[in-house]
Amino acid sequence: IKARYANRLSKRNTDSATDVLSFLNSADLKGNADDMNAIFPDAGG
């Protein structure tokens, strides 16, 4: 989430790219299993 909004500020913050890379380094993402998804088991409603 922090990386998304650091990138969003590319026109407002000269440190935007540096912040993005710092946050992603902290996230230490491994792959699609790290996705924050909306889940729909289709149990009705």
PDB file of all heavy atoms in Angstrom:
ATOM      1  N   ILE A   1       0.841  -1.200   0.000  1.00  0.00           N
ATOM      2  CA  ILE A   1       0.000   0.000   0.000  1.00  0.00           C
ATOM      3  C   ILE A   1       0.879   1.254   0.000  1.00  0.00           C
ATOM      4  O   ILE A   1       0.631   2.213  -0.741  1.00  0.00           O
ATOM      5  CB  ILE A   1      -0.955  -0.010   1.209  1.00  0.00           C
ATOM      6  CG1 ILE A   1      -1.985  -1.143   1.066  1.00  0.00           C
ATOM      7  CG2 ILE A   1      -1.670   1.344   1.344  1.00  0.00           C
ATOM      8  CD1 ILE A   1      -2.806  -1.390   2.323  1.00  0.00           C
ATOM      9  N   LYS A   2       1.918   1.256   0.830  1.00  0.00           N
ATOM     10  CA  LYS A   2       2.812   2.409   0.865  1.00  0.00           C
ATOM     11  C   LYS A   2       3.507   2.611  -0.479  1.00  0.00           C
ATOM     12  O   LYS A   2       3.654   3.746  -0.952  1.00  0.00           O
ATOM     13  CB  LYS A   2       3.849   2.234   1.983  1.00  0.00           C
ATOM     14  CG  LYS A   2       3.265   2.303   3.386  1.00  0.00           C
ATOM     15  CD  LYS A   2       4.340   2.263   4.465  1.00  0.00           C
ATOM     16  CE  LYS A   2       5.102   3.574   4.541  1.00  0.00           C
ATOM     17  NZ  LYS A   2       6.047   3.613   5.668  1.00  0.00           N
ATOM     18  N   ALA A   3       3.923   1.522  -1.119  1.00  0.00           N
ATOM     19  CA  ALA A   3       4.584   1.640  -2.424  1.00  0.00           C
ATOM     20  C   ALA A   3       3.624   2.180  -3.474  1.00  0.00           C
ATOM     21  O   ALA A   3       4.011   2.995  -4.331  1.00  0.00           O
ATOM     22  CB  ALA A   3       5.126   0.283  -2.858  1.00  0.00           C
ATOM     23  N   ARG A   4       2.370   1.748  -3.430  1.00  0.00           N
ATOM     24  CA  ARG A   4       1.378   2.262  -4.382  1.00  0.00           C
ATOM     25  C   ARG A   4       1.272   3.775  -4.268  1.00  0.00           C
ATOM     26  O   ARG A   4       1.253   4.483  -5.284  1.00  0.00           O
ATOM     27  CB  ARG A   4       0.012   1.613  -4.121  1.00  0.00           C
ATOM     28  CG  ARG A   4      -1.121   2.238  -4.932  1.00  0.00           C
ATOM     29  CD  ARG A   4      -2.484   1.650  -4.592  1.00  0.00           C
ATOM     30  NE  ARG A   4      -2.682   0.367  -5.259  1.00  0.00           N
ATOM     31  CZ  ARG A   4      -3.792  -0.373  -5.136  1.00  0.00           C
ATOM     32  NH1 ARG A   4      -4.775   0.039  -4.345  1.00  0.00           N
ATOM     33  NH2 ARG A   4      -3.906  -1.516  -5.793  1.00  0.00           N
ATOM     34  N   TYR A   5       1.182   4.289  -3.057  1.00  0.00           N
ATOM     35  CA  TYR A   5       0.976   5.732  -2.903  1.00  0.00           C
ATOM     36  C   TYR A   5       2.266   6.524  -3.053  1.00  0.00           C
ATOM     37  O   TYR A   5       2.225   7.696  -3.466  1.00  0.00           O
ATOM     38  CB  TYR A   5       0.208   6.028  -1.609  1.00  0.00           C
ATOM     39  CG  TYR A   5      -1.234   5.672  -1.857  1.00  0.00           C
ATOM     40  CD1 TYR A   5      -1.722   4.415  -1.541  1.00  0.00           C
ATOM     41  CD2 TYR A   5      -2.068   6.541  -2.554  1.00  0.00           C
ATOM     42  CE1 TYR A   5      -3.003   4.038  -1.874  1.00  0.00           C
ATOM     43  CE2 TYR A   5      -3.351   6.177  -2.884  1.00  0.00           C
ATOM     44  CZ  TYR A   5      -3.814   4.930  -2.556  1.00  0.00           C
ATOM     45  OH  TYR A   5      -5.090   4.559  -2.914  1.00  0.00           O
ATOM     46  N   ALA A   6       3.393   5.917  -2.775  1.00  0.00           N
ATOM     47  CA  ALA A   6       4.652   6.592  -3.100  1.00  0.00           C
ATOM     48  C   ALA A   6       4.765   6.771  -4.610  1.00  0.00           C
ATOM     49  O   ALA A   6       5.202   7.821  -5.099  1.00  0.00           O
ATOM     50  CB  ALA A   6       5.830   5.780  -2.574  1.00  0.00           C
ATOM     51  N   ASN A   7       4.352   5.775  -5.361  1.00  0.00           N
ATOM     52  CA  ASN A   7       4.375   5.878  -6.820  1.00  0.00           C
ATOM     53  C   ASN A   7       3.338   6.878  -7.315  1.00  0.00           C
ATOM     54  O   ASN A   7       3.566   7.613  -8.282  1.00  0.00           O
ATOM     55  CB  ASN A   7       4.115   4.509  -7.444  1.00  0.00           C
ATOM     56  CG  ASN A   7       4.561   4.442  -8.898  1.00  0.00           C
ATOM     57  OD1 ASN A   7       5.702   4.756  -9.203  1.00  0.00           O
ATOM     58  ND2 ASN A   7       3.669   4.040  -9.787  1.00  0.00           N
ATOM     59  N   ARG A   8       2.204   6.913  -6.625  1.00  0.00           N
ATOM     60  CA  ARG A   8       1.142   7.857  -6.997  1.00  0.00           C
ATOM     61  C   ARG A   8       1.640   9.303  -6.914  1.00  0.00           C
ATOM     62  O   ARG A   8       1.142  10.178  -7.614  1.00  0.00           O
ATOM     63  CB  ARG A   8      -0.057   7.655  -6.070  1.00  0.00           C
ATOM     64  CG  ARG A   8      -1.308   8.366  -6.508  1.00  0.00           C
ATOM     65  CD  ARG A   8      -2.124   7.567  -7.515  1.00  0.00           C
ATOM     66  NE  ARG A   8      -3.018   6.639  -6.844  1.00  0.00           N
ATOM     67  CZ  ARG A   8      -3.015   5.321  -7.026  1.00  0.00           C
ATOM     68  NH1 ARG A   8      -2.132   4.762  -7.835  1.00  0.00           N
ATOM     69  NH2 ARG A   8      -3.857   4.540  -6.382  1.00  0.00           N
ATOM     70  N   LEU A   9       2.620   9.538  -6.069  1.00  0.00           N
ATOM     71  CA  LEU A   9       3.118  10.892  -5.850  1.00  0.00           C
ATOM     72  C   LEU A   9       4.281  11.252  -6.769  1.00  0.00           C
ATOM     73  O   LEU A   9       5.060  12.152  -6.472  1.00  0.00           O
ATOM     74  CB  LEU A   9       3.546  11.061  -4.389  1.00  0.00           C
ATOM     75  CG  LEU A   9       2.440  10.924  -3.347  1.00  0.00           C
ATOM     76  CD1 LEU A   9       2.995  11.158  -1.945  1.00  0.00           C
ATOM     77  CD2 LEU A   9       1.286  11.879  -3.625  1.00  0.00           C
ATOM     78  N   SER A  10       4.395  10.574  -7.903  1.00  0.00           N
ATOM     79  CA  SER A  10       5.520  10.824  -8.818  1.00  0.00           C
ATOM     80  C   SER A  10       5.569  12.267  -9.306  1.00  0.00           C
ATOM     81  O   SER A  10       6.644  12.767  -9.645  1.00  0.00           O
ATOM     82  CB  SER A  10       5.447   9.876 -10.011  1.00  0.00           C
ATOM     83  OG  SER A  10       4.270  10.097 -10.778  1.00  0.00           O
ATOM     84  N   LYS A  11       4.425  12.957  -9.350  1.00  0.00           N
ATOM     85  CA  LYS A  11       4.400  14.349  -9.780  1.00  0.00           C
ATOM     86  C   LYS A  11       4.513  15.328  -8.617  1.00  0.00           C
ATOM     87  O   LYS A  11       4.606  16.532  -8.827  1.00  0.00           O
ATOM     88  CB  LYS A  11       3.103  14.624 -10.564  1.00  0.00           C
ATOM     89  CG  LYS A  11       3.007  13.862 -11.864  1.00  0.00           C
ATOM     90  CD  LYS A  11       1.598  13.867 -12.455  1.00  0.00           C
ATOM     91  CE  LYS A  11       1.185  15.219 -12.970  1.00  0.00           C
ATOM     92  NZ  LYS A  11      -0.113  15.163 -13.706  1.00  0.00           N
ATOM     93  N   ARG A  12       4.492  14.799  -7.407  1.00  0.00           N
ATOM     94  CA  ARG A  12       4.471  15.659  -6.224  1.00  0.00           C
ATOM     95  C   ARG A  12       5.719  15.528  -5.346  1.00  0.00           C
ATOM     96  O   ARG A  12       6.036  16.437  -4.586  1.00  0.00           O
ATOM     97  CB  ARG A  12       3.243  15.323  -5.373  1.00  0.00           C
ATOM     98  CG  ARG A  12       1.937  15.913  -5.878  1.00  0.00           C
ATOM     99  CD  ARG A  12       1.905  17.392  -5.603  1.00  0.00           C
ATOM    100  NE  ARG A  12       0.641  18.024  -5.937  1.00  0.00           N
ATOM    101  CZ  ARG A  12       0.373  19.304  -5.715  1.00  0.00           C
ATOM    102  NH1 ARG A  12       1.291  20.074  -5.146  1.00  0.00           N
ATOM    103  NH2 ARG A  12      -0.770  19.819  -6.050  1.00  0.00           N
ATOM    104  N   ASN A  13       6.404  14.389  -5.437  1.00  0.00           N
ATOM    105  CA  ASN A  13       7.504  14.106  -4.509  1.00  0.00           C
ATOM    106  C   ASN A  13       8.727  13.682  -5.299  1.00  0.00           C
ATOM    107  O   ASN A  13       8.716  12.647  -5.970  1.00  0.00           O
ATOM    108  CB  ASN A  13       7.077  13.004  -3.535  1.00  0.00           C
ATOM    109  CG  ASN A  13       8.162  12.649  -2.540  1.00  0.00           C
ATOM    110  OD1 ASN A  13       9.195  13.314  -2.456  1.00  0.00           O
ATOM    111  ND2 ASN A  13       7.932  11.588  -1.781  1.00  0.00           N
ATOM    112  N   THR A  14       9.791  14.442  -5.210  1.00  0.00           N
ATOM    113  CA  THR A  14      11.012  14.120  -5.950  1.00  0.00           C
ATOM    114  C   THR A  14      11.669  12.834  -5.450  1.00  0.00           C
ATOM    115  O   THR A  14      12.484  12.236  -6.151  1.00  0.00           O
ATOM    116  CB  THR A  14      12.027  15.280  -5.850  1.00  0.00           C
ATOM    117  OG1 THR A  14      12.292  15.556  -4.472  1.00  0.00           O
ATOM    118  CG2 THR A  14      11.487  16.524  -6.535  1.00  0.00           C
ATOM    119  N   ASP A  15      11.311  12.393  -4.248  1.00  0.00           N
ATOM    120  CA  ASP A  15      11.844  11.150  -3.706  1.00  0.00           C
ATOM    121  C   ASP A  15      10.910   9.965  -3.956  1.00  0.00           C
ATOM    122  O   ASP A  15      11.093   8.886  -3.375  1.00  0.00           O
ATOM    123  CB  ASP A  15      12.077  11.282  -2.196  1.00  0.00           C
ATOM    124  CG  ASP A  15      13.182  12.276  -1.865  1.00  0.00           C
ATOM    125  OD1 ASP A  15      14.158  12.347  -2.648  1.00  0.00           O
ATOM    126  OD2 ASP A  15      13.062  12.988  -0.859  1.00  0.00           O
ATOM    127  N   SER A  16       9.931  10.155  -4.823  1.00  0.00           N
ATOM    128  CA  SER A  16       8.926   9.114  -5.054  1.00  0.00           C
ATOM    129  C   SER A  16       9.551   7.775  -5.407  1.00  0.00           C
ATOM    130  O   SER A  16       9.233   6.738  -4.808  1.00  0.00           O
ATOM    131  CB  SER A  16       7.969   9.562  -6.178  1.00  0.00           C
ATOM    132  OG  SER A  16       7.200   8.494  -6.662  1.00  0.00           O
ATOM    133  N   ALA A  17      10.447   7.752  -6.398  1.00  0.00           N
ATOM    134  CA  ALA A  17      11.032   6.485  -6.843  1.00  0.00           C
ATOM    135  C   ALA A  17      11.843   5.827  -5.737  1.00  0.00           C
ATOM    136  O   ALA A  17      11.766   4.600  -5.521  1.00  0.00           O
ATOM    137  CB  ALA A  17      11.893   6.716  -8.078  1.00  0.00           C
ATOM    138  N   THR A  18      12.617   6.624  -5.006  1.00  0.00           N
ATOM    139  CA  THR A  18      13.412   6.090  -3.892  1.00  0.00           C
ATOM    140  C   THR A  18      12.513   5.480  -2.836  1.00  0.00           C
ATOM    141  O   THR A  18      12.793   4.397  -2.302  1.00  0.00           O
ATOM    142  CB  THR A  18      14.270   7.203  -3.279  1.00  0.00           C
ATOM    143  OG1 THR A  18      15.144   7.738  -4.280  1.00  0.00           O
ATOM    144  CG2 THR A  18      15.100   6.674  -2.117  1.00  0.00           C
ATOM    145  N   ASP A  19      11.418   6.158  -2.525  1.00  0.00           N
ATOM    146  CA  ASP A  19      10.476   5.655  -1.521  1.00  0.00           C
ATOM    147  C   ASP A  19       9.849   4.342  -1.988  1.00  0.00           C
ATOM    148  O   ASP A  19       9.715   3.392  -1.203  1.00  0.00           O
ATOM    149  CB  ASP A  19       9.388   6.694  -1.253  1.00  0.00           C
ATOM    150  CG  ASP A  19       9.904   7.914  -0.499  1.00  0.00           C
ATOM    151  OD1 ASP A  19      11.015   7.842   0.062  1.00  0.00           O
ATOM    152  OD2 ASP A  19       9.190   8.933  -0.486  1.00  0.00           O
ATOM    153  N   VAL A  20       9.443   4.289  -3.248  1.00  0.00           N
ATOM    154  CA  VAL A  20       8.848   3.064  -3.787  1.00  0.00           C
ATOM    155  C   VAL A  20       9.789   1.882  -3.574  1.00  0.00           C
ATOM    156  O   VAL A  20       9.397   0.828  -3.062  1.00  0.00           O
ATOM    157  CB  VAL A  20       8.528   3.217  -5.289  1.00  0.00           C
ATOM    158  CG1 VAL A  20       8.230   1.859  -5.918  1.00  0.00           C
ATOM    159  CG2 VAL A  20       7.345   4.143  -5.508  1.00  0.00           C
ATOM    160  N   LEU A  21      11.031   2.039  -3.978  1.00  0.00           N
ATOM    161  CA  LEU A  21      11.985   0.935  -3.906  1.00  0.00           C
ATOM    162  C   LEU A  21      12.292   0.543  -2.465  1.00  0.00           C
ATOM    163  O   LEU A  21      12.475  -0.645  -2.162  1.00  0.00           O
ATOM    164  CB  LEU A  21      13.265   1.304  -4.662  1.00  0.00           C
ATOM    165  CG  LEU A  21      13.065   1.560  -6.167  1.00  0.00           C
ATOM    166  CD1 LEU A  21      14.361   2.041  -6.801  1.00  0.00           C
ATOM    167  CD2 LEU A  21      12.540   0.319  -6.869  1.00  0.00           C
ATOM    168  N   SER A  22      12.307   1.515  -1.577  1.00  0.00           N
ATOM    169  CA  SER A  22      12.517   1.216  -0.166  1.00  0.00           C
ATOM    170  C   SER A  22      11.363   0.393   0.395  1.00  0.00           C
ATOM    171  O   SER A  22      11.572  -0.614   1.097  1.00  0.00           O
ATOM    172  CB  SER A  22      12.674   2.513   0.628  1.00  0.00           C
ATOM    173  OG  SER A  22      12.739   2.262   2.018  1.00  0.00           O
ATOM    174  N   PHE A  23      10.135   0.792   0.084  1.00  0.00           N
ATOM    175  CA  PHE A  23       8.966   0.069   0.591  1.00  0.00           C
ATOM    176  C   PHE A  23       8.901  -1.341   0.009  1.00  0.00           C
ATOM    177  O   PHE A  23       8.563  -2.306   0.715  1.00  0.00           O
ATOM    178  CB  PHE A  23       7.688   0.831   0.285  1.00  0.00           C
ATOM    179  CG  PHE A  23       7.601   2.185   0.954  1.00  0.00           C
ATOM    180  CD1 PHE A  23       6.954   3.253   0.326  1.00  0.00           C
ATOM    181  CD2 PHE A  23       8.167   2.407   2.203  1.00  0.00           C
ATOM    182  CE1 PHE A  23       6.885   4.497   0.930  1.00  0.00           C
ATOM    183  CE2 PHE A  23       8.091   3.651   2.823  1.00  0.00           C
ATOM    184  CZ  PHE A  23       7.448   4.703   2.181  1.00  0.00           C
ATOM    185  N   LEU A  24       9.225  -1.488  -1.263  1.00  0.00           N
ATOM    186  CA  LEU A  24       9.190  -2.812  -1.878  1.00  0.00           C
ATOM    187  C   LEU A  24      10.289  -3.704  -1.321  1.00  0.00           C
ATOM    188  O   LEU A  24      10.098  -4.919  -1.180  1.00  0.00           O
ATOM    189  CB  LEU A  24       9.311  -2.693  -3.397  1.00  0.00           C
ATOM    190  CG  LEU A  24       8.080  -2.108  -4.104  1.00  0.00           C
ATOM    191  CD1 LEU A  24       8.319  -2.013  -5.597  1.00  0.00           C
ATOM    192  CD2 LEU A  24       6.839  -2.945  -3.820  1.00  0.00           C
ATOM    193  N   ASN A  25      11.410  -3.124  -0.982  1.00  0.00           N
ATOM    194  CA  ASN A  25      12.466  -3.904  -0.337  1.00  0.00           C
ATOM    195  C   ASN A  25      11.984  -4.444   1.012  1.00  0.00           C
ATOM    196  O   ASN A  25      12.229  -5.604   1.359  1.00  0.00           O
ATOM    197  CB  ASN A  25      13.716  -3.049  -0.155  1.00  0.00           C
ATOM    198  CG  ASN A  25      14.870  -3.826   0.455  1.00  0.00           C
ATOM    199  OD1 ASN A  25      15.363  -4.780  -0.120  1.00  0.00           O
ATOM    200  ND2 ASN A  25      15.292  -3.409   1.642  1.00  0.00           N
ATOM    201  N   SER A  26      11.266  -3.608   1.752  1.00  0.00           N
ATOM    202  CA  SER A  26      10.720  -4.046   3.034  1.00  0.00           C
ATOM    203  C   SER A  26       9.628  -5.093   2.859  1.00  0.00           C
ATOM    204  O   SER A  26       9.471  -5.988   3.696  1.00  0.00           O
ATOM    205  CB  SER A  26      10.166  -2.852   3.809  1.00  0.00           C
ATOM    206  OG  SER A  26      11.194  -1.930   4.139  1.00  0.00           O
ATOM    207  N   ALA A  27       8.868  -4.987   1.773  1.00  0.00           N
ATOM    208  CA  ALA A  27       7.785  -5.943   1.525  1.00  0.00           C
ATOM    209  C   ALA A  27       8.330  -7.342   1.273  1.00  0.00           C
ATOM    210  O   ALA A  27       7.701  -8.342   1.639  1.00  0.00           O
ATOM    211  CB  ALA A  27       6.933  -5.486   0.342  1.00  0.00           C
ATOM    212  N   ASP A  28       9.472  -7.431   0.603  1.00  0.00           N
ATOM    213  CA  ASP A  28      10.105  -8.723   0.326  1.00  0.00           C
ATOM    214  C   ASP A  28       9.113  -9.694  -0.322  1.00  0.00           C
ATOM    215  O   ASP A  28       8.895 -10.811   0.147  1.00  0.00           O
ATOM    216  CB  ASP A  28      10.671  -9.321   1.617  1.00  0.00           C
ATOM    217  CG  ASP A  28      11.567 -10.533   1.359  1.00  0.00           C
ATOM    218  OD1 ASP A  28      12.153 -10.604   0.266  1.00  0.00           O
ATOM    219  OD2 ASP A  28      11.661 -11.397   2.247  1.00  0.00           O
ATOM    220  N   LEU A  29       8.524  -9.248  -1.425  1.00  0.00           N
ATOM    221  CA  LEU A  29       7.502 -10.047  -2.105  1.00  0.00           C
ATOM    222  C   LEU A  29       8.132 -11.226  -2.835  1.00  0.00           C
ATOM    223  O   LEU A  29       9.207 -11.112  -3.427  1.00  0.00           O
ATOM    224  CB  LEU A  29       6.732  -9.174  -3.085  1.00  0.00           C
ATOM    225  CG  LEU A  29       6.043  -7.939  -2.494  1.00  0.00           C
ATOM    226  CD1 LEU A  29       5.427  -7.085  -3.586  1.00  0.00           C
ATOM    227  CD2 LEU A  29       4.991  -8.354  -1.471  1.00  0.00           C
ATOM    228  N   LYS A  30       7.416 -12.354  -2.838  1.00  0.00           N
ATOM    229  CA  LYS A  30       7.933 -13.575  -3.454  1.00  0.00           C
ATOM    230  C   LYS A  30       7.179 -13.969  -4.720  1.00  0.00           C
ATOM    231  O   LYS A  30       7.708 -14.702  -5.548  1.00  0.00           O
ATOM    232  CB  LYS A  30       7.862 -14.728  -2.449  1.00  0.00           C
ATOM    233  CG  LYS A  30       8.639 -14.484  -1.157  1.00  0.00           C
ATOM    234  CD  LYS A  30      10.117 -14.191  -1.421  1.00  0.00           C
ATOM    235  CE  LYS A  30      10.877 -14.028  -0.104  1.00  0.00           C
ATOM    236  NZ  LYS A  30      12.296 -13.659  -0.324  1.00  0.00           N
ATOM    237  N   GLY A  31       5.938 -13.532  -4.857  1.00  0.00           N
ATOM    238  CA  GLY A  31       5.173 -13.936  -6.037  1.00  0.00           C
ATOM    239  C   GLY A  31       3.697 -13.677  -5.864  1.00  0.00           C
ATOM    240  O   GLY A  31       3.269 -12.966  -4.941  1.00  0.00           O
ATOM    241  N   ASN A  32       2.892 -14.268  -6.743  1.00  0.00           N
ATOM    242  CA  ASN A  32       1.451 -14.032  -6.742  1.00  0.00           C
ATOM    243  C   ASN A  32       0.765 -14.476  -5.460  1.00  0.00           C
ATOM    244  O   ASN A  32      -0.337 -14.020  -5.153  1.00  0.00           O
ATOM    245  CB  ASN A  32       0.802 -14.730  -7.936  1.00  0.00           C
ATOM    246  CG  ASN A  32       1.226 -14.137  -9.271  1.00  0.00           C
ATOM    247  OD1 ASN A  32       1.479 -12.934  -9.373  1.00  0.00           O
ATOM    248  ND2 ASN A  32       1.309 -14.969 -10.296  1.00  0.00           N
ATOM    249  N   ALA A  33       1.399 -15.360  -4.718  1.00  0.00           N
ATOM    250  CA  ALA A  33       0.807 -15.806  -3.453  1.00  0.00           C
ATOM    251  C   ALA A  33       0.715 -14.691  -2.430  1.00  0.00           C
ATOM    252  O   ALA A  33      -0.005 -14.816  -1.431  1.00  0.00           O
ATOM    253  CB  ALA A  33       1.610 -16.973  -2.879  1.00  0.00           C
ATOM    254  N   ASP A  34       1.427 -13.589  -2.667  1.00  0.00           N
ATOM    255  CA  ASP A  34       1.369 -12.439  -1.755  1.00  0.00           C
ATOM    256  C   ASP A  34       0.228 -11.474  -2.086  1.00  0.00           C
ATOM    257  O   ASP A  34       0.073 -10.449  -1.414  1.00  0.00           O
ATOM    258  CB  ASP A  34       2.695 -11.676  -1.798  1.00  0.00           C
ATOM    259  CG  ASP A  34       3.845 -12.464  -1.200  1.00  0.00           C
ATOM    260  OD1 ASP A  34       3.601 -13.263  -0.276  1.00  0.00           O
ATOM    261  OD2 ASP A  34       4.988 -12.298  -1.664  1.00  0.00           O
ATOM    262  N   ASP A  35      -0.560 -11.785  -3.095  1.00  0.00           N
ATOM    263  CA  ASP A  35      -1.621 -10.874  -3.534  1.00  0.00           C
ATOM    264  C   ASP A  35      -2.675 -10.664  -2.455  1.00  0.00           C
ATOM    265  O   ASP A  35      -3.100 -11.619  -1.781  1.00  0.00           O
ATOM    266  CB  ASP A  35      -2.324 -11.422  -4.776  1.00  0.00           C
ATOM    267  CG  ASP A  35      -1.458 -11.386  -6.015  1.00  0.00           C
ATOM    268  OD1 ASP A  35      -0.323 -10.880  -5.940  1.00  0.00           O
ATOM    269  OD2 ASP A  35      -1.926 -11.871  -7.071  1.00  0.00           O
ATOM    270  N   MET A  36      -3.117  -9.431  -2.336  1.00  0.00           N
ATOM    271  CA  MET A  36      -4.274  -9.093  -1.502  1.00  0.00           C
ATOM    272  C   MET A  36      -5.489  -9.086  -2.431  1.00  0.00           C
ATOM    273  O   MET A  36      -5.721  -8.129  -3.159  1.00  0.00           O
ATOM    274  CB  MET A  36      -4.071  -7.722  -0.844  1.00  0.00           C
ATOM    275  CG  MET A  36      -5.227  -7.252   0.014  1.00  0.00           C
ATOM    276  SD  MET A  36      -4.822  -5.636   0.781  1.00  0.00           S
ATOM    277  CE  MET A  36      -6.442  -5.152   1.387  1.00  0.00           C
ATOM    278  N   ASN A  37      -6.227 -10.180  -2.422  1.00  0.00           N
ATOM    279  CA  ASN A  37      -7.344 -10.359  -3.351  1.00  0.00           C
ATOM    280  C   ASN A  37      -8.689 -10.213  -2.663  1.00  0.00           C
ATOM    281  O   ASN A  37      -8.836 -10.525  -1.476  1.00  0.00           O
ATOM    282  CB  ASN A  37      -7.292 -11.763  -3.969  1.00  0.00           C
ATOM    283  CG  ASN A  37      -6.139 -11.950  -4.926  1.00  0.00           C
ATOM    284  OD1 ASN A  37      -5.769 -11.039  -5.652  1.00  0.00           O
ATOM    285  ND2 ASN A  37      -5.569 -13.149  -4.934  1.00  0.00           N
ATOM    286  N   ALA A  38      -9.681  -9.802  -3.430  1.00  0.00           N
ATOM    287  CA  ALA A  38     -11.073  -9.973  -3.039  1.00  0.00           C
ATOM    288  C   ALA A  38     -11.446 -11.415  -3.356  1.00  0.00           C
ATOM    289  O   ALA A  38     -11.243 -11.886  -4.473  1.00  0.00           O
ATOM    290  CB  ALA A  38     -11.968  -9.012  -3.807  1.00  0.00           C
ATOM    291  N   ILE A  39     -11.976 -12.118  -2.365  1.00  0.00           N
ATOM    292  CA  ILE A  39     -12.242 -13.542  -2.478  1.00  0.00           C
ATOM    293  C   ILE A  39     -13.741 -13.780  -2.573  1.00  0.00           C
ATOM    294  O   ILE A  39     -14.521 -13.227  -1.796  1.00  0.00           O
ATOM    295  CB  ILE A  39     -11.682 -14.308  -1.259  1.00  0.00           C
ATOM    296  CG1 ILE A  39     -10.186 -13.990  -1.074  1.00  0.00           C
ATOM    297  CG2 ILE A  39     -11.912 -15.804  -1.399  1.00  0.00           C
ATOM    298  CD1 ILE A  39      -9.309 -14.432  -2.205  1.00  0.00           C
ATOM    299  N   PHE A  40     -14.144 -14.647  -3.504  1.00  0.00           N
ATOM    300  CA  PHE A  40     -15.568 -14.921  -3.730  1.00  0.00           C
ATOM    301  C   PHE A  40     -15.802 -16.428  -3.780  1.00  0.00           C
ATOM    302  O   PHE A  40     -15.623 -17.054  -4.820  1.00  0.00           O
ATOM    303  CB  PHE A  40     -16.024 -14.272  -5.035  1.00  0.00           C
ATOM    304  CG  PHE A  40     -15.782 -12.792  -5.085  1.00  0.00           C
ATOM    305  CD1 PHE A  40     -14.719 -12.280  -5.819  1.00  0.00           C
ATOM    306  CD2 PHE A  40     -16.588 -11.910  -4.383  1.00  0.00           C
ATOM    307  CE1 PHE A  40     -14.481 -10.915  -5.854  1.00  0.00           C
ATOM    308  CE2 PHE A  40     -16.352 -10.545  -4.415  1.00  0.00           C
ATOM    309  CZ  PHE A  40     -15.301 -10.047  -5.152  1.00  0.00           C
ATOM    310  N   PRO A  41     -16.223 -17.040  -2.667  1.00  0.00           N
ATOM    311  CA  PRO A  41     -16.452 -18.487  -2.664  1.00  0.00           C
ATOM    312  C   PRO A  41     -17.760 -18.908  -3.322  1.00  0.00           C
ATOM    313  O   PRO A  41     -18.037 -20.099  -3.440  1.00  0.00           O
ATOM    314  CB  PRO A  41     -16.465 -18.829  -1.174  1.00  0.00           C
ATOM    315  CG  PRO A  41     -16.910 -17.575  -0.506  1.00  0.00           C
ATOM    316  CD  PRO A  41     -16.343 -16.458  -1.330  1.00  0.00           C
ATOM    317  N   ASP A  42     -18.591 -17.944  -3.751  1.00  0.00           N
ATOM    318  CA  ASP A  42     -19.877 -18.240  -4.403  1.00  0.00           C
ATOM    319  C   ASP A  42     -20.791 -19.062  -3.510  1.00  0.00           C
ATOM    320  O   ASP A  42     -21.387 -20.049  -3.929  1.00  0.00           O
ATOM    321  CB  ASP A  42     -19.672 -18.951  -5.746  1.00  0.00           C
ATOM    322  CG  ASP A  42     -20.963 -19.005  -6.579  1.00  0.00           C
ATOM    323  OD1 ASP A  42     -21.853 -18.172  -6.319  1.00  0.00           O
ATOM    324  OD2 ASP A  42     -21.069 -19.871  -7.464  1.00  0.00           O
ATOM    325  N   ALA A  43     -20.899 -18.643  -2.262  1.00  0.00           N
ATOM    326  CA  ALA A  43     -21.813 -19.307  -1.336  1.00  0.00           C
ATOM    327  C   ALA A  43     -23.175 -18.632  -1.294  1.00  0.00           C
ATOM    328  O   ALA A  43     -24.000 -18.934  -0.452  1.00  0.00           O
ATOM    329  CB  ALA A  43     -21.192 -19.318   0.064  1.00  0.00           C
ATOM    330  N   GLY A  44     -23.407 -17.718  -2.235  1.00  0.00           N
ATOM    331  CA  GLY A  44     -24.673 -17.007  -2.269  1.00  0.00           C
ATOM    332  C   GLY A  44     -24.539 -15.578  -1.823  1.00  0.00           C
ATOM    333  O   GLY A  44     -23.629 -15.214  -1.094  1.00  0.00           O
ATOM    334  N   GLY A  45     -25.467 -14.720  -2.278  1.00  0.00           N
ATOM    335  CA  GLY A  45     -25.500 -13.326  -1.860  1.00  0.00           C
ATOM    336  C   GLY A  45     -24.213 -12.590  -2.167  1.00  0.00           C
ATOM    337  O   GLY A  45     -23.707 -12.607  -3.285  1.00  0.00           O
TER     338      GLY A  45
END
